[in-house]
């Protein structure tokens, strides 16, 4: 009986972890509005310095959530992410991480410095 409860609990934890990781296929669909500025697999975006291809999904999620909460301010970004829920953020971040290398070398994006400081 105890073993059965442990197996059920372990399965639930693994399932929850898989959902939290994000779905890159769903993320590609959800990122349709992001592509103009941040690019896609075939397009560098209008602003190559803010390409998201290949960036760490956890950092992208953290930064996107800062825009959602208002901790970071950019009229365009705050408006763009206002309707996203937590799963949308994870999916889009995972999609961008899964993309190959960006068209230009990685540049820092505003807000990266406090994410790196909190990771240390």
PDB file of N, CA and C in Angstrom:
ATOM      1  N   UNK A   1       0.828  -1.190   0.000  1.00  0.00           N
ATOM      2  CA  UNK A   1       0.000   0.000   0.000  1.00  0.00           C
ATOM      3  C   UNK A   1       0.868   1.247   0.000  1.00  0.00           C
ATOM      4  N   UNK A   2       1.885   1.272   0.867  1.00  0.00           N
ATOM      5  CA  UNK A   2       2.774   2.415   0.961  1.00  0.00           C
ATOM      6  C   UNK A   2       3.544   2.616  -0.347  1.00  0.00           C
ATOM      7  N   UNK A   3       3.968   1.520  -0.980  1.00  0.00           N
ATOM      8  CA  UNK A   3       4.685   1.581  -2.245  1.00  0.00           C
ATOM      9  C   UNK A   3       3.793   2.185  -3.330  1.00  0.00           C
ATOM     10  N   UNK A   4       2.537   1.821  -3.352  1.00  0.00           N
ATOM     11  CA  UNK A   4       1.602   2.344  -4.350  1.00  0.00           C
ATOM     12  C   UNK A   4       1.450   3.857  -4.201  1.00  0.00           C
ATOM     13  N   UNK A   5       1.344   4.348  -2.971  1.00  0.00           N
ATOM     14  CA  UNK A   5       1.232   5.794  -2.738  1.00  0.00           C
ATOM     15  C   UNK A   5       2.501   6.500  -3.201  1.00  0.00           C
ATOM     16  N   UNK A   6       3.650   5.915  -2.937  1.00  0.00           N
ATOM     17  CA  UNK A   6       4.924   6.508  -3.343  1.00  0.00           C
ATOM     18  C   UNK A   6       5.021   6.592  -4.857  1.00  0.00           C
ATOM     19  N   UNK A   7       4.603   5.535  -5.556  1.00  0.00           N
ATOM     20  CA  UNK A   7       4.643   5.536  -7.016  1.00  0.00           C
ATOM     21  C   UNK A   7       3.698   6.580  -7.605  1.00  0.00           C
ATOM     22  N   UNK A   8       2.523   6.703  -7.033  1.00  0.00           N
ATOM     23  CA  UNK A   8       1.571   7.709  -7.502  1.00  0.00           C
ATOM     24  C   UNK A   8       2.130   9.110  -7.290  1.00  0.00           C
ATOM     25  N   UNK A   9       2.714   9.357  -6.141  1.00  0.00           N
ATOM     26  CA  UNK A   9       3.307  10.658  -5.843  1.00  0.00           C
ATOM     27  C   UNK A   9       4.478  10.956  -6.782  1.00  0.00           C
ATOM     28  N   UNK A  10       5.319   9.985  -7.024  1.00  0.00           N
ATOM     29  CA  UNK A  10       6.467  10.176  -7.922  1.00  0.00           C
ATOM     30  C   UNK A  10       5.997  10.482  -9.342  1.00  0.00           C
ATOM     31  N   UNK A  11       4.965   9.791  -9.794  1.00  0.00           N
ATOM     32  CA  UNK A  11       4.412  10.041 -11.127  1.00  0.00           C
ATOM     33  C   UNK A  11       3.854  11.452 -11.227  1.00  0.00           C
ATOM     34  N   UNK A  12       3.173  11.906 -10.195  1.00  0.00           N
ATOM     35  CA  UNK A  12       2.616  13.256 -10.188  1.00  0.00           C
ATOM     36  C   UNK A  12       3.709  14.314 -10.233  1.00  0.00           C
ATOM     37  N   UNK A  13       4.781  14.093  -9.505  1.00  0.00           N
ATOM     38  CA  UNK A  13       5.899  15.050  -9.490  1.00  0.00           C
ATOM     39  C   UNK A  13       6.553  15.115 -10.860  1.00  0.00           C
ATOM     40  N   UNK A  14       6.801  13.959 -11.474  1.00  0.00           N
ATOM     41  CA  UNK A  14       7.413  13.937 -12.804  1.00  0.00           C
ATOM     42  C   UNK A  14       6.490  14.594 -13.817  1.00  0.00           C
ATOM     43  N   UNK A  15       5.201  14.340 -13.758  1.00  0.00           N
ATOM     44  CA  UNK A  15       4.249  14.956 -14.685  1.00  0.00           C
ATOM     45  C   UNK A  15       4.215  16.461 -14.511  1.00  0.00           C
ATOM     46  N   UNK A  16       4.222  16.939 -13.287  1.00  0.00           N
ATOM     47  CA  UNK A  16       4.206  18.378 -13.029  1.00  0.00           C
ATOM     48  C   UNK A  16       5.477  19.027 -13.536  1.00  0.00           C
ATOM     49  N   UNK A  17       6.614  18.353 -13.403  1.00  0.00           N
ATOM     50  CA  UNK A  17       7.879  18.894 -13.890  1.00  0.00           C
ATOM     51  C   UNK A  17       7.865  19.009 -15.407  1.00  0.00           C
ATOM     52  N   UNK A  18       7.290  18.033 -16.075  1.00  0.00           N
ATOM     53  CA  UNK A  18       7.237  18.076 -17.532  1.00  0.00           C
ATOM     54  C   UNK A  18       6.381  19.232 -18.010  1.00  0.00           C
ATOM     55  N   UNK A  19       5.279  19.501 -17.330  1.00  0.00           N
ATOM     56  CA  UNK A  19       4.410  20.607 -17.715  1.00  0.00           C
ATOM     57  C   UNK A  19       5.113  21.931 -17.476  1.00  0.00           C
ATOM     58  N   UNK A  20       5.818  22.069 -16.378  1.00  0.00           N
ATOM     59  CA  UNK A  20       6.478  23.317 -16.039  1.00  0.00           C
ATOM     60  C   UNK A  20       7.619  23.633 -16.994  1.00  0.00           C
ATOM     61  N   UNK A  21       8.177  22.623 -17.641  1.00  0.00           N
ATOM     62  CA  UNK A  21       9.324  22.834 -18.518  1.00  0.00           C
ATOM     63  C   UNK A  21       8.963  23.609 -19.771  1.00  0.00           C
ATOM     64  N   UNK A  22       7.758  23.569 -20.208  1.00  0.00           N
ATOM     65  CA  UNK A  22       7.351  24.277 -21.412  1.00  0.00           C
ATOM     66  C   UNK A  22       7.372  23.380 -22.634  1.00  0.00           C
ATOM     67  N   UNK A  23       6.518  23.699 -23.566  1.00  0.00           N
ATOM     68  CA  UNK A  23       6.365  22.946 -24.805  1.00  0.00           C
ATOM     69  C   UNK A  23       6.813  23.827 -25.964  1.00  0.00           C
ATOM     70  N   UNK A  24       7.950  23.500 -26.612  1.00  0.00           N
ATOM     71  CA  UNK A  24       8.440  24.361 -27.682  1.00  0.00           C
ATOM     72  C   UNK A  24       7.518  24.433 -28.895  1.00  0.00           C
ATOM     73  N   UNK A  25       6.758  23.371 -29.155  1.00  0.00           N
ATOM     74  CA  UNK A  25       5.830  23.391 -30.290  1.00  0.00           C
ATOM     75  C   UNK A  25       4.700  24.385 -30.015  1.00  0.00           C
ATOM     76  N   UNK A  26       4.128  24.309 -28.821  1.00  0.00           N
ATOM     77  CA  UNK A  26       3.104  25.284 -28.442  1.00  0.00           C
ATOM     78  C   UNK A  26       3.714  26.677 -28.352  1.00  0.00           C
ATOM     79  N   UNK A  27       4.958  26.756 -27.879  1.00  0.00           N
ATOM     80  CA  UNK A  27       5.642  28.037 -27.761  1.00  0.00           C
ATOM     81  C   UNK A  27       5.831  28.722 -29.097  1.00  0.00           C
ATOM     82  N   UNK A  28       6.117  27.948 -30.130  1.00  0.00           N
ATOM     83  CA  UNK A  28       6.278  28.543 -31.466  1.00  0.00           C
ATOM     84  C   UNK A  28       4.983  29.212 -31.909  1.00  0.00           C
ATOM     85  N   UNK A  29       3.865  28.557 -31.664  1.00  0.00           N
ATOM     86  CA  UNK A  29       2.565  29.117 -32.026  1.00  0.00           C
ATOM     87  C   UNK A  29       2.270  30.361 -31.187  1.00  0.00           C
ATOM     88  N   UNK A  30       2.558  30.284 -29.897  1.00  0.00           N
ATOM     89  CA  UNK A  30       2.272  31.393 -28.985  1.00  0.00           C
ATOM     90  C   UNK A  30       3.206  32.582 -29.206  1.00  0.00           C
ATOM     91  N   UNK A  31       4.367  32.341 -29.811  1.00  0.00           N
ATOM     92  CA  UNK A  31       5.348  33.400 -30.024  1.00  0.00           C
ATOM     93  C   UNK A  31       5.109  34.184 -31.307  1.00  0.00           C
ATOM     94  N   UNK A  32       3.998  33.963 -31.966  1.00  0.00           N
ATOM     95  CA  UNK A  32       3.739  34.636 -33.240  1.00  0.00           C
ATOM     96  C   UNK A  32       3.868  36.154 -33.124  1.00  0.00           C
ATOM     97  N   UNK A  33       3.422  36.726 -32.036  1.00  0.00           N
ATOM     98  CA  UNK A  33       3.503  38.182 -31.848  1.00  0.00           C
ATOM     99  C   UNK A  33       4.920  38.620 -31.475  1.00  0.00           C
ATOM    100  N   UNK A  34       5.744  37.711 -31.002  1.00  0.00           N
ATOM    101  CA  UNK A  34       7.113  38.034 -30.563  1.00  0.00           C
ATOM    102  C   UNK A  34       8.089  38.097 -31.731  1.00  0.00           C
ATOM    103  N   UNK A  35       7.778  37.389 -32.805  1.00  0.00           N
ATOM    104  CA  UNK A  35       8.706  37.189 -33.910  1.00  0.00           C
ATOM    105  C   UNK A  35       9.129  38.499 -34.568  1.00  0.00           C
ATOM    106  N   UNK A  36       8.229  39.451 -34.703  1.00  0.00           N
ATOM    107  CA  UNK A  36       8.565  40.702 -35.392  1.00  0.00           C
ATOM    108  C   UNK A  36       9.790  41.369 -34.765  1.00  0.00           C
ATOM    109  N   UNK A  37       9.846  41.413 -33.453  1.00  0.00           N
ATOM    110  CA  UNK A  37      10.969  42.060 -32.764  1.00  0.00           C
ATOM    111  C   UNK A  37      12.079  41.079 -32.407  1.00  0.00           C
ATOM    112  N   UNK A  38      11.714  39.901 -31.912  1.00  0.00           N
ATOM    113  CA  UNK A  38      12.687  38.979 -31.330  1.00  0.00           C
ATOM    114  C   UNK A  38      13.143  37.870 -32.261  1.00  0.00           C
ATOM    115  N   UNK A  39      12.538  37.753 -33.435  1.00  0.00           N
ATOM    116  CA  UNK A  39      12.992  36.798 -34.425  1.00  0.00           C
ATOM    117  C   UNK A  39      12.413  35.405 -34.278  1.00  0.00           C
ATOM    118  N   UNK A  40      12.822  34.551 -35.197  1.00  0.00           N
ATOM    119  CA  UNK A  40      12.402  33.152 -35.215  1.00  0.00           C
ATOM    120  C   UNK A  40      13.557  32.339 -35.806  1.00  0.00           C
ATOM    121  N   UNK A  41      13.305  31.106 -36.156  1.00  0.00           N
ATOM    122  CA  UNK A  41      14.353  30.270 -36.731  1.00  0.00           C
ATOM    123  C   UNK A  41      14.824  30.798 -38.085  1.00  0.00           C
ATOM    124  N   UNK A  42      13.945  31.484 -38.816  1.00  0.00           N
ATOM    125  CA  UNK A  42      14.286  31.938 -40.161  1.00  0.00           C
ATOM    126  C   UNK A  42      14.392  33.452 -40.303  1.00  0.00           C
ATOM    127  N   UNK A  43      14.098  34.187 -39.261  1.00  0.00           N
ATOM    128  CA  UNK A  43      14.046  35.644 -39.346  1.00  0.00           C
ATOM    129  C   UNK A  43      14.713  36.249 -38.119  1.00  0.00           C
ATOM    130  N   UNK A  44      15.660  37.192 -38.309  1.00  0.00           N
ATOM    131  CA  UNK A  44      16.367  37.731 -37.148  1.00  0.00           C
ATOM    132  C   UNK A  44      15.558  38.720 -36.311  1.00  0.00           C
ATOM    133  N   UNK A  45      14.431  39.159 -36.821  1.00  0.00           N
ATOM    134  CA  UNK A  45      13.645  40.146 -36.096  1.00  0.00           C
ATOM    135  C   UNK A  45      14.038  41.556 -36.527  1.00  0.00           C
ATOM    136  N   UNK A  46      13.178  42.514 -36.261  1.00  0.00           N
ATOM    137  CA  UNK A  46      13.451  43.898 -36.659  1.00  0.00           C
ATOM    138  C   UNK A  46      14.577  44.506 -35.833  1.00  0.00           C
ATOM    139  N   UNK A  47      14.780  43.996 -34.635  1.00  0.00           N
ATOM    140  CA  UNK A  47      15.786  44.533 -33.731  1.00  0.00           C
ATOM    141  C   UNK A  47      16.769  43.418 -33.371  1.00  0.00           C
ATOM    142  N   UNK A  48      17.789  43.216 -34.187  1.00  0.00           N
ATOM    143  CA  UNK A  48      18.692  42.076 -33.974  1.00  0.00           C
ATOM    144  C   UNK A  48      19.362  42.044 -32.604  1.00  0.00           C
ATOM    145  N   UNK A  49      19.474  43.164 -31.943  1.00  0.00           N
ATOM    146  CA  UNK A  49      20.125  43.159 -30.631  1.00  0.00           C
ATOM    147  C   UNK A  49      19.254  42.543 -29.542  1.00  0.00           C
ATOM    148  N   UNK A  50      17.979  42.305 -29.828  1.00  0.00           N
ATOM    149  CA  UNK A  50      17.115  41.659 -28.828  1.00  0.00           C
ATOM    150  C   UNK A  50      16.629  40.291 -29.315  1.00  0.00           C
ATOM    151  N   UNK A  51      17.455  39.627 -30.123  1.00  0.00           N
ATOM    152  CA  UNK A  51      17.121  38.270 -30.561  1.00  0.00           C
ATOM    153  C   UNK A  51      17.066  37.350 -29.349  1.00  0.00           C
ATOM    154  N   UNK A  52      16.148  36.432 -29.369  1.00  0.00           N
ATOM    155  CA  UNK A  52      16.004  35.522 -28.240  1.00  0.00           C
ATOM    156  C   UNK A  52      16.463  34.096 -28.552  1.00  0.00           C
ATOM    157  N   UNK A  53      16.781  33.808 -29.786  1.00  0.00           N
ATOM    158  CA  UNK A  53      17.189  32.451 -30.175  1.00  0.00           C
ATOM    159  C   UNK A  53      18.372  31.978 -29.337  1.00  0.00           C
ATOM    160  N   UNK A  54      18.237  30.793 -28.774  1.00  0.00           N
ATOM    161  CA  UNK A  54      19.319  30.177 -28.026  1.00  0.00           C
ATOM    162  C   UNK A  54      19.492  30.674 -26.605  1.00  0.00           C
ATOM    163  N   UNK A  55      18.682  31.607 -26.176  1.00  0.00           N
ATOM    164  CA  UNK A  55      18.822  32.124 -24.807  1.00  0.00           C
ATOM    165  C   UNK A  55      18.238  31.138 -23.804  1.00  0.00           C
ATOM    166  N   UNK A  56      18.716  31.200 -22.592  1.00  0.00           N
ATOM    167  CA  UNK A  56      18.292  30.312 -21.522  1.00  0.00           C
ATOM    168  C   UNK A  56      16.811  30.522 -21.191  1.00  0.00           C
ATOM    169  N   UNK A  57      16.043  29.441 -21.197  1.00  0.00           N
ATOM    170  CA  UNK A  57      14.601  29.527 -20.963  1.00  0.00           C
ATOM    171  C   UNK A  57      14.271  30.070 -19.574  1.00  0.00           C
ATOM    172  N   UNK A  58      15.046  29.682 -18.565  1.00  0.00           N
ATOM    173  CA  UNK A  58      14.767  30.172 -17.213  1.00  0.00           C
ATOM    174  C   UNK A  58      14.946  31.681 -17.130  1.00  0.00           C
ATOM    175  N   UNK A  59      16.000  32.189 -17.773  1.00  0.00           N
ATOM    176  CA  UNK A  59      16.219  33.640 -17.766  1.00  0.00           C
ATOM    177  C   UNK A  59      15.122  34.364 -18.544  1.00  0.00           C
ATOM    178  N   UNK A  60      14.719  33.788 -19.679  1.00  0.00           N
ATOM    179  CA  UNK A  60      13.639  34.406 -20.451  1.00  0.00           C
ATOM    180  C   UNK A  60      12.344  34.426 -19.656  1.00  0.00           C
ATOM    181  N   UNK A  61      12.051  33.342 -18.968  1.00  0.00           N
ATOM    182  CA  UNK A  61      10.835  33.287 -18.145  1.00  0.00           C
ATOM    183  C   UNK A  61      10.888  34.317 -17.034  1.00  0.00           C
ATOM    184  N   UNK A  62      12.026  34.405 -16.362  1.00  0.00           N
ATOM    185  CA  UNK A  62      12.180  35.369 -15.271  1.00  0.00           C
ATOM    186  C   UNK A  62      11.964  36.786 -15.774  1.00  0.00           C
ATOM    187  N   UNK A  63      12.604  37.103 -16.888  1.00  0.00           N
ATOM    188  CA  UNK A  63      12.491  38.462 -17.416  1.00  0.00           C
ATOM    189  C   UNK A  63      11.071  38.746 -17.897  1.00  0.00           C
ATOM    190  N   UNK A  64      10.449  37.801 -18.584  1.00  0.00           N
ATOM    191  CA  UNK A  64       9.080  37.993 -19.060  1.00  0.00           C
ATOM    192  C   UNK A  64       8.139  38.214 -17.886  1.00  0.00           C
ATOM    193  N   UNK A  65       8.337  37.463 -16.822  1.00  0.00           N
ATOM    194  CA  UNK A  65       7.486  37.642 -15.643  1.00  0.00           C
ATOM    195  C   UNK A  65       7.710  38.999 -14.981  1.00  0.00           C
ATOM    196  N   UNK A  66       8.914  39.544 -15.098  1.00  0.00           N
ATOM    197  CA  UNK A  66       9.160  40.897 -14.580  1.00  0.00           C
ATOM    198  C   UNK A  66       8.394  41.928 -15.396  1.00  0.00           C
ATOM    199  N   UNK A  67       8.300  41.723 -16.699  1.00  0.00           N
ATOM    200  CA  UNK A  67       7.475  42.615 -17.518  1.00  0.00           C
ATOM    201  C   UNK A  67       5.999  42.444 -17.167  1.00  0.00           C
ATOM    202  N   UNK A  68       5.580  41.197 -16.960  1.00  0.00           N
ATOM    203  CA  UNK A  68       4.174  40.943 -16.602  1.00  0.00           C
ATOM    204  C   UNK A  68       3.803  41.617 -15.293  1.00  0.00           C
ATOM    205  N   UNK A  69       4.722  41.623 -14.337  1.00  0.00           N
ATOM    206  CA  UNK A  69       4.426  42.188 -13.016  1.00  0.00           C
ATOM    207  C   UNK A  69       4.659  43.697 -12.944  1.00  0.00           C
ATOM    208  N   UNK A  70       5.332  44.263 -13.953  1.00  0.00           N
ATOM    209  CA  UNK A  70       5.623  45.693 -13.935  1.00  0.00           C
ATOM    210  C   UNK A  70       6.959  46.035 -13.301  1.00  0.00           C
ATOM    211  N   UNK A  71       7.729  45.036 -12.868  1.00  0.00           N
ATOM    212  CA  UNK A  71       9.049  45.312 -12.291  1.00  0.00           C
ATOM    213  C   UNK A  71      10.004  45.865 -13.337  1.00  0.00           C
ATOM    214  N   UNK A  72       9.833  45.450 -14.590  1.00  0.00           N
ATOM    215  CA  UNK A  72      10.544  46.050 -15.715  1.00  0.00           C
ATOM    216  C   UNK A  72       9.508  46.784 -16.546  1.00  0.00           C
ATOM    217  N   UNK A  73       9.888  47.971 -17.047  1.00  0.00           N
ATOM    218  CA  UNK A  73       8.927  48.767 -17.802  1.00  0.00           C
ATOM    219  C   UNK A  73       9.392  48.979 -19.233  1.00  0.00           C
ATOM    220  N   UNK A  74       8.565  48.596 -20.138  1.00  0.00           N
ATOM    221  CA  UNK A  74       8.679  48.879 -21.559  1.00  0.00           C
ATOM    222  C   UNK A  74       7.249  48.835 -22.075  1.00  0.00           C
ATOM    223  N   UNK A  75       6.738  49.965 -22.564  1.00  0.00           N
ATOM    224  CA  UNK A  75       5.330  49.968 -22.988  1.00  0.00           C
ATOM    225  C   UNK A  75       4.983  48.831 -23.945  1.00  0.00           C
ATOM    226  N   UNK A  76       5.869  48.532 -24.871  1.00  0.00           N
ATOM    227  CA  UNK A  76       5.597  47.472 -25.842  1.00  0.00           C
ATOM    228  C   UNK A  76       5.593  46.111 -25.158  1.00  0.00           C
ATOM    229  N   UNK A  77       6.636  45.826 -24.370  1.00  0.00           N
ATOM    230  CA  UNK A  77       6.721  44.519 -23.718  1.00  0.00           C
ATOM    231  C   UNK A  77       5.624  44.327 -22.672  1.00  0.00           C
ATOM    232  N   UNK A  78       5.362  45.337 -21.865  1.00  0.00           N
ATOM    233  CA  UNK A  78       4.321  45.197 -20.849  1.00  0.00           C
ATOM    234  C   UNK A  78       2.977  44.869 -21.495  1.00  0.00           C
ATOM    235  N   UNK A  79       2.688  45.528 -22.596  1.00  0.00           N
ATOM    236  CA  UNK A  79       1.435  45.273 -23.302  1.00  0.00           C
ATOM    237  C   UNK A  79       1.452  43.892 -23.960  1.00  0.00           C
ATOM    238  N   UNK A  80       2.596  43.514 -24.545  1.00  0.00           N
ATOM    239  CA  UNK A  80       2.681  42.239 -25.267  1.00  0.00           C
ATOM    240  C   UNK A  80       2.505  41.029 -24.359  1.00  0.00           C
ATOM    241  N   UNK A  81       2.984  41.114 -23.121  1.00  0.00           N
ATOM    242  CA  UNK A  81       2.939  39.943 -22.242  1.00  0.00           C
ATOM    243  C   UNK A  81       1.791  39.985 -21.238  1.00  0.00           C
ATOM    244  N   UNK A  82       1.004  41.035 -21.275  1.00  0.00           N
ATOM    245  CA  UNK A  82      -0.073  41.226 -20.305  1.00  0.00           C
ATOM    246  C   UNK A  82      -1.059  40.047 -20.270  1.00  0.00           C
ATOM    247  N   UNK A  83      -1.364  39.472 -21.421  1.00  0.00           N
ATOM    248  CA  UNK A  83      -2.366  38.405 -21.465  1.00  0.00           C
ATOM    249  C   UNK A  83      -1.768  37.003 -21.329  1.00  0.00           C
ATOM    250  N   UNK A  84      -0.440  36.912 -21.216  1.00  0.00           N
ATOM    251  CA  UNK A  84       0.192  35.595 -21.101  1.00  0.00           C
ATOM    252  C   UNK A  84       0.005  35.033 -19.688  1.00  0.00           C
ATOM    253  N   UNK A  85      -0.216  33.728 -19.621  1.00  0.00           N
ATOM    254  CA  UNK A  85      -0.240  33.069 -18.319  1.00  0.00           C
ATOM    255  C   UNK A  85       1.109  32.370 -18.110  1.00  0.00           C
ATOM    256  N   UNK A  86       1.291  31.744 -16.963  1.00  0.00           N
ATOM    257  CA  UNK A  86       2.574  31.117 -16.636  1.00  0.00           C
ATOM    258  C   UNK A  86       2.976  30.055 -17.662  1.00  0.00           C
ATOM    259  N   UNK A  87       2.015  29.254 -18.119  1.00  0.00           N
ATOM    260  CA  UNK A  87       2.332  28.209 -19.091  1.00  0.00           C
ATOM    261  C   UNK A  87       2.741  28.815 -20.433  1.00  0.00           C
ATOM    262  N   UNK A  88       2.076  29.905 -20.848  1.00  0.00           N
ATOM    263  CA  UNK A  88       2.460  30.584 -22.090  1.00  0.00           C
ATOM    264  C   UNK A  88       3.907  31.051 -22.021  1.00  0.00           C
ATOM    265  N   UNK A  89       4.276  31.646 -20.898  1.00  0.00           N
ATOM    266  CA  UNK A  89       5.638  32.145 -20.709  1.00  0.00           C
ATOM    267  C   UNK A  89       6.634  31.001 -20.810  1.00  0.00           C
ATOM    268  N   UNK A  90       6.358  29.894 -20.145  1.00  0.00           N
ATOM    269  CA  UNK A  90       7.261  28.733 -20.183  1.00  0.00           C
ATOM    270  C   UNK A  90       7.375  28.166 -21.598  1.00  0.00           C
ATOM    271  N   UNK A  91       6.245  28.074 -22.309  1.00  0.00           N
ATOM    272  CA  UNK A  91       6.254  27.533 -23.668  1.00  0.00           C
ATOM    273  C   UNK A  91       7.076  28.403 -24.607  1.00  0.00           C
ATOM    274  N   UNK A  92       6.857  29.711 -24.566  1.00  0.00           N
ATOM    275  CA  UNK A  92       7.586  30.624 -25.453  1.00  0.00           C
ATOM    276  C   UNK A  92       9.079  30.624 -25.113  1.00  0.00           C
ATOM    277  N   UNK A  93       9.402  30.637 -23.831  1.00  0.00           N
ATOM    278  CA  UNK A  93      10.807  30.625 -23.419  1.00  0.00           C
ATOM    279  C   UNK A  93      11.500  29.345 -23.885  1.00  0.00           C
ATOM    280  N   UNK A  94      10.817  28.217 -23.774  1.00  0.00           N
ATOM    281  CA  UNK A  94      11.379  26.941 -24.217  1.00  0.00           C
ATOM    282  C   UNK A  94      11.559  26.930 -25.732  1.00  0.00           C
ATOM    283  N   UNK A  95      10.595  27.497 -26.452  1.00  0.00           N
ATOM    284  CA  UNK A  95      10.715  27.596 -27.915  1.00  0.00           C
ATOM    285  C   UNK A  95      11.969  28.381 -28.296  1.00  0.00           C
ATOM    286  N   UNK A  96      12.165  29.540 -27.690  1.00  0.00           N
ATOM    287  CA  UNK A  96      13.323  30.353 -28.050  1.00  0.00           C
ATOM    288  C   UNK A  96      14.636  29.678 -27.644  1.00  0.00           C
ATOM    289  N   UNK A  97      14.644  28.983 -26.531  1.00  0.00           N
ATOM    290  CA  UNK A  97      15.864  28.276 -26.131  1.00  0.00           C
ATOM    291  C   UNK A  97      16.208  27.185 -27.134  1.00  0.00           C
ATOM    292  N   UNK A  98      15.211  26.507 -27.665  1.00  0.00           N
ATOM    293  CA  UNK A  98      15.430  25.391 -28.584  1.00  0.00           C
ATOM    294  C   UNK A  98      15.900  25.859 -29.965  1.00  0.00           C
ATOM    295  N   UNK A  99      15.695  27.134 -30.294  1.00  0.00           N
ATOM    296  CA  UNK A  99      16.170  27.627 -31.581  1.00  0.00           C
ATOM    297  C   UNK A  99      17.690  27.558 -31.610  1.00  0.00           C
ATOM    298  N   UNK A 100      18.223  27.394 -32.799  1.00  0.00           N
ATOM    299  CA  UNK A 100      19.677  27.323 -32.945  1.00  0.00           C
ATOM    300  C   UNK A 100      20.312  28.645 -32.526  1.00  0.00           C
ATOM    301  N   UNK A 101      21.506  28.856 -32.948  1.00  0.00           N
ATOM    302  CA  UNK A 101      22.230  30.068 -32.586  1.00  0.00           C
ATOM    303  C   UNK A 101      21.524  31.309 -33.144  1.00  0.00           C
ATOM    304  N   UNK A 102      21.649  32.425 -32.460  1.00  0.00           N
ATOM    305  CA  UNK A 102      21.072  33.662 -33.001  1.00  0.00           C
ATOM    306  C   UNK A 102      21.849  34.132 -34.220  1.00  0.00           C
ATOM    307  N   UNK A 103      21.248  35.025 -34.984  1.00  0.00           N
ATOM    308  CA  UNK A 103      21.899  35.549 -36.180  1.00  0.00           C
ATOM    309  C   UNK A 103      23.128  36.385 -35.820  1.00  0.00           C
ATOM    310  N   UNK A 104      23.102  37.058 -34.691  1.00  0.00           N
ATOM    311  CA  UNK A 104      24.229  37.850 -34.203  1.00  0.00           C
ATOM    312  C   UNK A 104      24.708  37.251 -32.891  1.00  0.00           C
ATOM    313  N   UNK A 105      25.954  37.556 -32.484  1.00  0.00           N
ATOM    314  CA  UNK A 105      26.417  37.065 -31.182  1.00  0.00           C
ATOM    315  C   UNK A 105      25.486  37.538 -30.063  1.00  0.00           C
ATOM    316  N   UNK A 106      25.420  36.752 -28.999  1.00  0.00           N
ATOM    317  CA  UNK A 106      24.552  37.101 -27.870  1.00  0.00           C
ATOM    318  C   UNK A 106      24.917  38.465 -27.302  1.00  0.00           C
ATOM    319  N   UNK A 107      23.921  39.277 -27.145  1.00  0.00           N
ATOM    320  CA  UNK A 107      24.076  40.580 -26.509  1.00  0.00           C
ATOM    321  C   UNK A 107      23.276  40.535 -25.214  1.00  0.00           C
ATOM    322  N   UNK A 108      23.681  41.298 -24.250  1.00  0.00           N
ATOM    323  CA  UNK A 108      22.879  41.410 -23.043  1.00  0.00           C
ATOM    324  C   UNK A 108      21.609  42.175 -23.343  1.00  0.00           C
ATOM    325  N   UNK A 109      20.544  41.819 -22.694  1.00  0.00           N
ATOM    326  CA  UNK A 109      19.278  42.524 -22.832  1.00  0.00           C
ATOM    327  C   UNK A 109      18.966  43.164 -21.489  1.00  0.00           C
ATOM    328  N   UNK A 110      18.396  44.355 -21.507  1.00  0.00           N
ATOM    329  CA  UNK A 110      18.090  45.085 -20.285  1.00  0.00           C
ATOM    330  C   UNK A 110      17.419  44.172 -19.267  1.00  0.00           C
ATOM    331  N   UNK A 111      17.959  44.131 -18.075  1.00  0.00           N
ATOM    332  CA  UNK A 111      17.421  43.290 -17.019  1.00  0.00           C
ATOM    333  C   UNK A 111      18.226  42.021 -16.805  1.00  0.00           C
ATOM    334  N   UNK A 112      19.108  41.657 -17.761  1.00  0.00           N
ATOM    335  CA  UNK A 112      19.929  40.448 -17.600  1.00  0.00           C
ATOM    336  C   UNK A 112      20.831  40.542 -16.372  1.00  0.00           C
ATOM    337  N   UNK A 113      21.324  41.741 -16.091  1.00  0.00           N
ATOM    338  CA  UNK A 113      22.304  41.881 -15.020  1.00  0.00           C
ATOM    339  C   UNK A 113      21.743  41.451 -13.664  1.00  0.00           C
ATOM    340  N   UNK A 114      20.485  41.761 -13.371  1.00  0.00           N
ATOM    341  CA  UNK A 114      19.951  41.344 -12.074  1.00  0.00           C
ATOM    342  C   UNK A 114      19.606  39.859 -12.056  1.00  0.00           C
ATOM    343  N   UNK A 115      19.354  39.257 -13.180  1.00  0.00           N
ATOM    344  CA  UNK A 115      19.130  37.804 -13.234  1.00  0.00           C
ATOM    345  C   UNK A 115      20.443  37.094 -12.964  1.00  0.00           C
ATOM    346  N   UNK A 116      21.543  37.570 -13.559  1.00  0.00           N
ATOM    347  CA  UNK A 116      22.838  36.955 -13.344  1.00  0.00           C
ATOM    348  C   UNK A 116      23.284  37.146 -11.892  1.00  0.00           C
ATOM    349  N   UNK A 117      23.004  38.303 -11.305  1.00  0.00           N
ATOM    350  CA  UNK A 117      23.397  38.554  -9.925  1.00  0.00           C
ATOM    351  C   UNK A 117      22.660  37.630  -8.959  1.00  0.00           C
ATOM    352  N   UNK A 118      21.383  37.356  -9.226  1.00  0.00           N
ATOM    353  CA  UNK A 118      20.614  36.490  -8.326  1.00  0.00           C
ATOM    354  C   UNK A 118      21.011  35.026  -8.484  1.00  0.00           C
ATOM    355  N   UNK A 119      21.606  34.654  -9.626  1.00  0.00           N
ATOM    356  CA  UNK A 119      22.021  33.271  -9.845  1.00  0.00           C
ATOM    357  C   UNK A 119      23.324  32.949  -9.123  1.00  0.00           C
ATOM    358  N   UNK A 120      24.075  33.966  -8.730  1.00  0.00           N
ATOM    359  CA  UNK A 120      25.371  33.720  -8.083  1.00  0.00           C
ATOM    360  C   UNK A 120      25.237  33.529  -6.598  1.00  0.00           C
TER     361      UNK A 120
END
